[in-house]
Amino acid sequence: MSTPVNSVHQLAVAEAAHATQNTTDSKDKKPTVLESHGYFLGKTIGTGSYATVRMAHSERHEGNVAIKIVSKFSAPADYLKKFLPREIEVVKGLRHMNLIRFLQAIETTHRVYIIMEYAENGSLLDIIRKDQSIDEMRSRKWFRQLVSAIEYCHDRGVVHRDIKCENMLMDIGWNIKLSDFGFARGHMKPKNGQPILSETFCGSYAYASPEILRGIPYQPQFADIWSMGVVLFAMVFGRLPFDDSNYKELIKQVSSKVVFPKEPKVHSNCKSLINKILAPLKSRIRISGIKQDQWFSFEENQASTSRERRSITSESDVESRRLSVDPDTLIPPNLITKDEFEARARPRGARRDSGEEEQPVKTENAFESDSEHDEKFPVSKTRKPGTKKDS
């Protein structure tokens, strides 16, 4: 029979042996793929059917980063084959203070990891929900930053095609960081003076331009501008200008004069700019025009006695918005949205959570080469975007 002293002694020996075993196991345990690259995962900041975004600490970057983790077993095939490789190819070459910076992409047998700059203060949508609407001083600042980011992209032949409040993140200094280039496309500069049209209808219905909603080939640069107008409206009024719950009603709304709420009070110059952006394609303002606009270029210390300009929307503009066909005859385009990808993803239970160790396939590091002619990230063997008709 064991005495109390013997029992205590035996327990101490067992604990010491267990501690020794744990130490040995920790020494023998191989680092994960991310840990081998100096990334140590933290809290989850976003999740979906086939992708999760987690914060991580990076030794190399001496701070926190965001890592988008895409499951190859859950993600839809066309996302893996077309949109994901295109996203990585596009973001590799972008460097702008108002764009989330791409840092590195890592592919393994099970997953694709996209490492990006981390935005500490959430999204513009979070701020709108919290504050109900955003005062014109902050709206002007953030809209200017958005315009600067999109002008930079367009000048380099890149179109975003999914501009919305959810994709506008805030850094530690409360500056806009445009993110999520999942629907972006490069090589879109006009050739021989002829614009390159897109036939991939993607984005979000509430932010989509009339030409996208009608399912006709469109110039994505001008569709981006329309989406920016929706963002500006959402900031100053705290709501979206168009109701996307009914396609036929949505078509009527985007083809009619913009209806402004009575509250909150918004300066007529701001409404005028929104009217110029949410306009038919032929009369829709370009980025150069936005930058010269009175509300956009207004300085807060400017004399408050400056006269207000009347809205430029004339009766002829309103007439030109009207559809030449009955909305009932229009067939909704096959608009690819993030929700559609989520719906088409394999359920989480269908994932092959293999016990095998993930094997690195290949890594692509943005810091090792900035050449735009680098081989694109090899998620799959797809054609280079822009070489053939977009689909």
Protein backbone atom coordinates (compact mmCIF):
# COMPACT_ATOMS: atom_id res chain seq x y z
CA MET A 1 0.00 0.00 0.00
CA SER A 2 1.39 3.40 -1.01
CA THR A 3 2.03 5.99 1.65
CA PRO A 4 1.12 9.64 1.06
CA VAL A 5 4.81 10.45 0.71
CA ASN A 6 5.30 7.74 -1.93
CA SER A 7 2.21 8.93 -3.80
CA VAL A 8 3.50 12.50 -3.93
CA HIS A 9 6.90 11.25 -5.07
CA GLN A 10 5.36 9.09 -7.82
CA LEU A 11 3.22 12.03 -9.02
CA ALA A 12 6.24 14.29 -9.19
CA VAL A 13 8.18 11.71 -11.19
CA ALA A 14 5.23 11.26 -13.58
CA GLU A 15 4.88 15.03 -14.09
CA ALA A 16 8.60 15.37 -14.74
CA ALA A 17 8.48 12.53 -17.28
CA HIS A 18 5.44 14.12 -18.98
CA ALA A 19 7.18 17.49 -19.17
CA THR A 20 10.26 15.87 -20.65
CA GLN A 21 8.11 14.09 -23.24
CA ASN A 22 6.35 17.35 -24.19
CA THR A 23 9.70 19.09 -24.58
CA THR A 24 10.94 16.28 -26.79
CA ASP A 25 7.72 16.34 -28.84
CA SER A 26 7.93 20.10 -29.33
CA LYS A 27 11.52 19.74 -30.53
CA ASP A 28 10.54 16.97 -32.93
CA LYS A 29 7.40 18.74 -34.19
CA LYS A 30 7.96 20.29 -37.60
CA PRO A 31 6.85 23.88 -38.16
CA THR A 32 3.78 24.39 -40.34
CA VAL A 33 4.12 25.77 -43.85
CA LEU A 34 3.22 29.25 -42.62
CA GLU A 35 5.54 29.04 -39.63
CA SER A 36 8.40 28.02 -41.91
CA HIS A 37 7.81 31.35 -43.71
CA GLY A 38 7.72 33.29 -40.45
CA TYR A 39 3.94 33.67 -40.07
CA PHE A 40 2.22 32.75 -36.79
CA LEU A 41 -1.56 32.62 -37.03
CA GLY A 42 -3.82 34.61 -34.70
CA LYS A 43 -7.52 35.35 -34.57
CA THR A 44 -9.98 34.84 -37.43
CA ILE A 45 -11.19 38.14 -38.92
CA GLY A 46 -13.36 36.77 -41.72
CA THR A 47 -14.80 33.46 -42.86
CA GLY A 48 -16.71 31.94 -45.77
CA SER A 49 -17.57 28.60 -47.32
CA TYR A 50 -14.14 28.06 -48.88
CA ALA A 51 -11.90 30.81 -47.51
CA THR A 52 -10.92 32.20 -44.14
CA VAL A 53 -9.03 35.40 -43.36
CA ARG A 54 -6.85 35.33 -40.28
CA MET A 55 -4.57 37.80 -38.66
CA ALA A 56 -1.00 36.62 -38.21
CA HIS A 57 2.21 37.94 -36.77
CA SER A 58 5.09 38.20 -39.21
CA GLU A 59 8.70 38.17 -38.09
CA ARG A 60 9.83 39.32 -41.50
CA HIS A 61 7.48 42.31 -41.63
CA GLU A 62 7.81 43.00 -37.89
CA GLY A 63 4.09 43.28 -37.32
CA ASN A 64 0.68 41.87 -38.11
CA VAL A 65 -0.49 40.77 -41.54
CA ALA A 66 -3.74 39.35 -42.91
CA ILE A 67 -3.72 35.89 -44.50
CA LYS A 68 -6.48 34.72 -46.81
CA ILE A 69 -6.59 30.92 -46.62
CA VAL A 70 -8.35 29.28 -49.57
CA SER A 71 -9.28 25.59 -49.41
CA LYS A 72 -8.69 23.83 -52.72
CA PHE A 73 -11.22 21.18 -51.76
CA SER A 74 -14.09 23.61 -51.11
CA ALA A 75 -13.54 26.45 -53.59
CA PRO A 76 -15.45 26.36 -56.92
CA ALA A 77 -13.33 25.15 -59.84
CA ASP A 78 -13.69 28.33 -61.92
CA TYR A 79 -12.58 30.41 -58.94
CA LEU A 80 -9.40 28.34 -58.60
CA LYS A 81 -8.74 28.18 -62.33
CA LYS A 82 -9.56 31.74 -63.36
CA PHE A 83 -10.27 34.32 -60.69
CA LEU A 84 -7.68 33.39 -58.05
CA PRO A 85 -4.67 33.27 -60.44
CA ARG A 86 -5.86 36.53 -62.01
CA GLU A 87 -6.18 38.18 -58.59
CA ILE A 88 -2.64 37.25 -57.61
CA GLU A 89 -1.18 38.30 -60.96
CA VAL A 90 -2.88 41.68 -60.73
CA VAL A 91 -2.02 42.58 -57.13
CA LYS A 92 1.65 41.60 -57.47
CA GLY A 93 2.43 44.75 -59.42
CA LEU A 94 0.34 47.29 -57.49
CA ARG A 95 1.93 49.71 -55.01
CA HIS A 96 -0.30 52.55 -53.82
CA MET A 97 -0.92 54.03 -50.39
CA ASN A 98 -4.67 53.42 -50.71
CA LEU A 99 -4.49 49.81 -51.86
CA ILE A 100 -4.05 46.83 -49.55
CA ARG A 101 -0.53 45.65 -50.32
CA PHE A 102 0.05 42.10 -51.46
CA LEU A 103 3.05 40.55 -49.71
CA GLN A 104 3.31 36.90 -50.72
CA ALA A 105 1.40 33.91 -52.04
CA ILE A 106 2.04 30.34 -50.95
CA GLU A 107 0.50 27.24 -52.52
CA THR A 108 0.38 23.83 -50.88
CA THR A 109 -1.28 20.55 -51.79
CA HIS A 110 -4.36 21.53 -49.76
CA ARG A 111 -4.56 25.30 -49.69
CA VAL A 112 -3.54 28.63 -51.14
CA TYR A 113 -2.36 31.33 -48.74
CA ILE A 114 -2.44 35.01 -49.77
CA ILE A 115 -0.53 37.23 -47.36
CA MET A 116 -1.56 40.88 -47.34
CA GLU A 117 -1.17 44.10 -45.41
CA TYR A 118 -3.42 44.19 -42.34
CA ALA A 119 -5.98 47.01 -41.89
CA GLU A 120 -6.60 47.56 -38.19
CA ASN A 121 -9.85 49.52 -38.25
CA GLY A 122 -12.30 47.36 -40.16
CA SER A 123 -14.25 48.43 -43.24
CA LEU A 124 -16.08 51.52 -44.45
CA LEU A 125 -19.30 49.55 -44.11
CA ASP A 126 -18.59 49.06 -40.41
CA ILE A 127 -18.24 52.83 -39.98
CA ILE A 128 -21.46 53.57 -41.88
CA ARG A 129 -23.36 51.08 -39.74
CA LYS A 130 -21.91 52.60 -36.57
CA ASP A 131 -22.33 56.28 -37.48
CA GLN A 132 -25.47 55.87 -39.67
CA SER A 133 -23.99 58.34 -42.16
CA ILE A 134 -20.62 60.01 -42.69
CA ASP A 135 -20.13 63.77 -42.64
CA GLU A 136 -19.02 65.38 -45.88
CA MET A 137 -15.54 66.23 -44.60
CA ARG A 138 -14.68 62.58 -43.97
CA SER A 139 -16.60 61.44 -47.05
CA ARG A 140 -14.60 63.82 -49.23
CA LYS A 141 -11.30 62.62 -47.76
CA TRP A 142 -12.13 58.94 -48.26
CA PHE A 143 -13.67 59.47 -51.69
CA ARG A 144 -10.53 61.30 -52.82
CA GLN A 145 -8.45 58.37 -51.62
CA LEU A 146 -10.69 55.93 -53.49
CA VAL A 147 -10.45 58.00 -56.68
CA SER A 148 -6.66 58.16 -56.33
CA ALA A 149 -6.44 54.37 -55.94
CA ILE A 150 -8.71 53.64 -58.91
CA GLU A 151 -6.97 56.20 -61.15
CA TYR A 152 -3.67 54.48 -60.30
CA CYS A 153 -5.12 51.08 -61.23
CA HIS A 154 -6.74 52.29 -64.46
CA ASP A 155 -3.51 54.01 -65.56
CA ARG A 156 -1.86 50.59 -65.28
CA GLY A 157 -4.56 48.77 -67.18
CA VAL A 158 -6.13 47.21 -64.06
CA VAL A 159 -9.87 47.29 -63.37
CA HIS A 160 -11.29 46.31 -59.98
CA ARG A 161 -14.89 45.35 -60.87
CA ASP A 162 -16.02 44.91 -57.26
CA ILE A 163 -15.81 48.34 -55.64
CA LYS A 164 -18.09 48.49 -52.60
CA CYS A 165 -18.07 49.66 -48.99
CA GLU A 166 -17.17 46.18 -47.69
CA ASN A 167 -13.97 46.21 -49.74
CA MET A 168 -12.77 49.59 -48.48
CA LEU A 169 -10.72 48.90 -45.35
CA MET A 170 -9.29 51.35 -42.82
CA ASP A 171 -5.67 51.41 -41.68
CA ILE A 172 -4.41 52.58 -38.29
CA GLY A 173 -4.56 56.21 -39.45
CA TRP A 174 -8.15 55.88 -40.75
CA ASN A 175 -7.11 55.98 -44.38
CA ILE A 176 -8.81 53.98 -47.11
CA LYS A 177 -7.20 50.75 -48.26
CA LEU A 178 -9.06 49.24 -51.21
CA SER A 179 -8.99 45.44 -51.00
CA ASP A 180 -10.31 42.23 -52.58
CA PHE A 181 -9.15 42.08 -56.19
CA GLY A 182 -10.92 38.75 -56.67
CA PHE A 183 -12.78 40.04 -59.75
CA ALA A 184 -9.98 42.30 -61.00
CA ARG A 185 -8.52 42.06 -64.47
CA GLY A 186 -5.29 43.41 -65.94
CA HIS A 187 -4.10 44.28 -69.45
CA MET A 188 -7.13 46.52 -70.02
CA LYS A 189 -5.48 49.55 -71.60
CA PRO A 190 -7.08 50.50 -74.94
CA LYS A 191 -5.28 49.11 -77.98
CA ASN A 192 -4.94 51.31 -81.06
CA GLY A 193 -7.44 53.67 -79.50
CA GLN A 194 -10.04 50.93 -79.15
CA PRO A 195 -11.31 50.10 -75.63
CA ILE A 196 -11.20 46.50 -74.47
CA LEU A 197 -14.66 45.35 -73.46
CA SER A 198 -15.42 42.86 -70.73
CA GLU A 199 -18.06 40.16 -70.98
CA THR A 200 -17.65 38.79 -67.47
CA PHE A 201 -20.51 40.26 -65.47
CA CYS A 202 -19.30 40.30 -61.89
CA GLY A 203 -19.53 42.29 -58.70
CA SER A 204 -22.58 43.14 -56.62
CA TYR A 205 -26.01 44.02 -58.00
CA ALA A 206 -26.44 47.11 -55.83
CA TYR A 207 -23.15 48.57 -57.11
CA ALA A 208 -23.40 47.35 -60.73
CA SER A 209 -23.67 49.83 -63.60
CA PRO A 210 -26.69 49.79 -65.97
CA GLU A 211 -24.64 48.26 -68.80
CA ILE A 212 -23.64 45.34 -66.57
CA LEU A 213 -27.21 44.84 -65.37
CA ARG A 214 -28.40 44.73 -68.98
CA GLY A 215 -25.86 42.03 -69.82
CA ILE A 216 -24.06 43.83 -72.66
CA PRO A 217 -20.28 44.01 -73.19
CA TYR A 218 -19.02 46.95 -71.16
CA GLN A 219 -15.99 49.12 -70.46
CA PRO A 220 -15.04 48.11 -66.91
CA GLN A 221 -13.29 51.42 -66.20
CA PHE A 222 -16.62 53.23 -66.49
CA ALA A 223 -18.35 50.52 -64.46
CA ASP A 224 -15.78 51.16 -61.70
CA ILE A 225 -16.68 54.85 -61.78
CA TRP A 226 -20.38 54.03 -61.38
CA SER A 227 -19.57 51.88 -58.35
CA MET A 228 -17.59 54.76 -56.84
CA GLY A 229 -20.72 56.91 -57.14
CA VAL A 230 -22.71 54.30 -55.23
CA VAL A 231 -20.03 54.34 -52.50
CA LEU A 232 -20.19 58.15 -52.26
CA PHE A 233 -23.99 58.06 -51.97
CA ALA A 234 -23.75 55.36 -49.29
CA MET A 235 -21.27 57.42 -47.26
CA VAL A 236 -23.19 60.69 -47.14
CA PHE A 237 -26.70 59.22 -46.88
CA GLY A 238 -25.96 56.07 -44.91
CA ARG A 239 -27.87 53.83 -47.33
CA LEU A 240 -27.54 52.48 -50.86
CA PRO A 241 -29.18 54.39 -53.70
CA PHE A 242 -30.65 51.31 -55.36
CA ASP A 243 -32.65 48.37 -54.03
CA ASP A 244 -31.25 45.13 -55.43
CA SER A 245 -33.96 42.84 -54.05
CA ASN A 246 -35.90 42.91 -57.35
CA TYR A 247 -34.10 42.89 -60.70
CA LYS A 248 -36.84 44.63 -62.71
CA GLU A 249 -37.17 47.39 -60.13
CA LEU A 250 -33.38 47.73 -59.98
CA ILE A 251 -33.24 48.25 -63.75
CA LYS A 252 -35.87 50.98 -63.50
CA GLN A 253 -34.02 52.69 -60.66
CA VAL A 254 -30.60 52.79 -62.35
CA SER A 255 -32.27 54.10 -65.53
CA SER A 256 -34.01 56.99 -63.76
CA LYS A 257 -32.95 60.15 -62.01
CA VAL A 258 -31.25 59.54 -58.67
CA VAL A 259 -33.64 59.98 -55.75
CA PHE A 260 -32.00 61.66 -52.76
CA PRO A 261 -33.37 61.19 -49.22
CA LYS A 262 -34.46 64.33 -47.35
CA GLU A 263 -32.28 63.37 -44.40
CA PRO A 264 -29.44 63.74 -43.67
CA LYS A 265 -28.85 67.16 -45.21
CA VAL A 266 -26.22 66.95 -47.95
CA HIS A 267 -24.77 69.90 -49.88
CA SER A 268 -26.16 70.36 -53.38
CA ASN A 269 -22.62 70.22 -54.83
CA CYS A 270 -22.21 66.71 -53.47
CA LYS A 271 -25.56 65.68 -54.96
CA SER A 272 -24.48 67.22 -58.25
CA LEU A 273 -21.33 65.07 -58.32
CA ILE A 274 -23.34 61.95 -57.53
CA ASN A 275 -25.69 62.81 -60.41
CA LYS A 276 -22.74 63.16 -62.74
CA ILE A 277 -21.38 59.75 -61.73
CA LEU A 278 -24.65 57.81 -61.61
CA ALA A 279 -25.44 58.85 -65.15
CA PRO A 280 -25.89 57.08 -68.50
CA LEU A 281 -22.65 55.82 -70.01
CA LYS A 282 -22.40 58.57 -72.66
CA SER A 283 -22.67 61.38 -70.14
CA ARG A 284 -21.03 59.66 -67.15
CA ILE A 285 -18.22 61.75 -65.75
CA ARG A 286 -14.65 60.44 -66.10
CA ILE A 287 -12.03 60.44 -63.36
CA SER A 288 -10.39 63.58 -64.76
CA GLY A 289 -13.75 65.33 -64.47
CA ILE A 290 -14.30 64.09 -60.92
CA LYS A 291 -10.96 65.57 -59.86
CA GLN A 292 -12.02 68.97 -61.24
CA ASP A 293 -15.45 68.86 -59.64
CA GLN A 294 -16.30 71.68 -57.22
CA TRP A 295 -17.31 69.45 -54.31
CA PHE A 296 -14.37 67.08 -54.82
CA SER A 297 -11.77 69.86 -54.92
CA PHE A 298 -13.34 71.95 -52.16
CA GLU A 299 -11.00 72.85 -49.30
CA GLU A 300 -12.51 73.03 -45.83
CA ASN A 301 -10.88 76.41 -45.13
CA GLN A 302 -12.31 77.80 -48.34
CA ALA A 303 -14.66 80.80 -47.96
CA SER A 304 -18.12 79.54 -47.09
CA THR A 305 -19.73 82.26 -49.18
CA SER A 306 -18.94 80.49 -52.44
CA ARG A 307 -22.05 80.03 -54.52
CA GLU A 308 -23.61 76.63 -54.92
CA ARG A 309 -23.84 75.27 -58.42
CA ARG A 310 -27.12 73.90 -59.59
CA SER A 311 -27.43 70.22 -60.32
CA ILE A 312 -26.28 69.49 -63.86
CA THR A 313 -28.94 66.86 -64.39
CA SER A 314 -31.19 68.26 -67.10
CA GLU A 315 -34.45 66.95 -68.42
CA SER A 316 -32.63 65.57 -71.44
CA ASP A 317 -30.32 63.65 -69.14
CA VAL A 318 -33.30 62.14 -67.41
CA GLU A 319 -34.85 61.21 -70.75
CA SER A 320 -31.62 59.58 -71.89
CA ARG A 321 -31.65 57.40 -68.79
CA ARG A 322 -34.94 55.77 -69.69
CA LEU A 323 -34.85 52.32 -71.16
CA SER A 324 -35.60 51.90 -74.83
CA VAL A 325 -37.06 48.49 -74.04
CA ASP A 326 -39.55 47.20 -71.54
CA PRO A 327 -37.80 46.01 -68.35
CA ASP A 328 -40.08 42.96 -68.42
CA THR A 329 -38.35 41.78 -71.60
CA LEU A 330 -34.86 41.97 -70.09
CA ILE A 331 -33.23 38.80 -68.84
CA PRO A 332 -30.98 39.24 -65.79
CA PRO A 333 -27.31 38.67 -66.67
CA ASN A 334 -25.41 35.82 -65.11
CA LEU A 335 -23.82 38.20 -62.63
CA ILE A 336 -21.05 36.44 -60.73
CA THR A 337 -21.11 37.56 -57.12
CA LYS A 338 -19.19 36.48 -54.05
CA ASP A 339 -22.47 35.08 -52.74
CA GLU A 340 -22.73 32.88 -55.83
CA PHE A 341 -19.24 31.51 -55.24
CA GLU A 342 -20.19 30.81 -51.64
CA ALA A 343 -23.31 28.94 -52.80
CA ARG A 344 -21.34 26.87 -55.29
CA ALA A 345 -18.61 25.96 -52.83
CA ARG A 346 -18.50 22.46 -51.46
CA PRO A 347 -19.86 22.34 -47.90
CA ARG A 348 -17.35 22.37 -45.09
CA GLY A 349 -18.21 18.76 -44.26
CA ALA A 350 -17.03 17.76 -47.73
CA ARG A 351 -13.55 19.10 -47.15
CA ARG A 352 -10.78 16.56 -47.22
CA ASP A 353 -9.15 17.43 -43.92
CA SER A 354 -6.33 15.05 -44.57
CA GLY A 355 -3.99 14.08 -41.80
CA GLU A 356 -1.12 14.27 -44.25
CA GLU A 357 1.39 17.05 -43.87
CA GLU A 358 0.80 19.85 -46.34
CA GLN A 359 3.46 19.93 -49.01
CA PRO A 360 4.57 23.27 -50.46
CA VAL A 361 3.97 23.44 -54.20
CA LYS A 362 5.58 26.76 -55.01
CA THR A 363 5.82 30.19 -53.45
CA GLU A 364 5.76 33.59 -55.06
CA ASN A 365 7.26 36.46 -53.09
CA ALA A 366 6.47 40.01 -54.09
CA PHE A 367 9.73 41.29 -52.63
CA GLU A 368 11.98 39.02 -54.66
CA SER A 369 11.05 40.51 -58.01
CA ASP A 370 8.83 43.36 -59.14
CA SER A 371 9.00 42.51 -62.83
CA GLU A 372 5.57 42.54 -64.45
CA HIS A 373 6.80 39.76 -66.73
CA ASP A 374 7.37 37.27 -63.90
CA GLU A 375 5.69 33.91 -64.27
CA LYS A 376 2.29 34.15 -62.65
CA PHE A 377 1.43 32.20 -59.55
CA PRO A 378 0.81 28.61 -60.68
CA VAL A 379 -2.52 27.80 -59.04
CA SER A 380 -3.54 26.31 -62.34
CA LYS A 381 -2.44 26.34 -65.96
CA THR A 382 -4.67 29.04 -67.34
CA ARG A 383 -4.15 31.47 -70.17
CA LYS A 384 -2.79 34.88 -69.41
CA PRO A 385 -5.72 37.30 -68.88
CA GLY A 386 -6.26 39.70 -71.72
CA THR A 387 -4.87 37.50 -74.48
CA LYS A 388 -8.30 36.26 -75.53
CA LYS A 389 -11.90 37.24 -75.02
CA ASP A 390 -12.82 37.55 -71.38
CA SER A 391 -15.34 34.94 -70.27
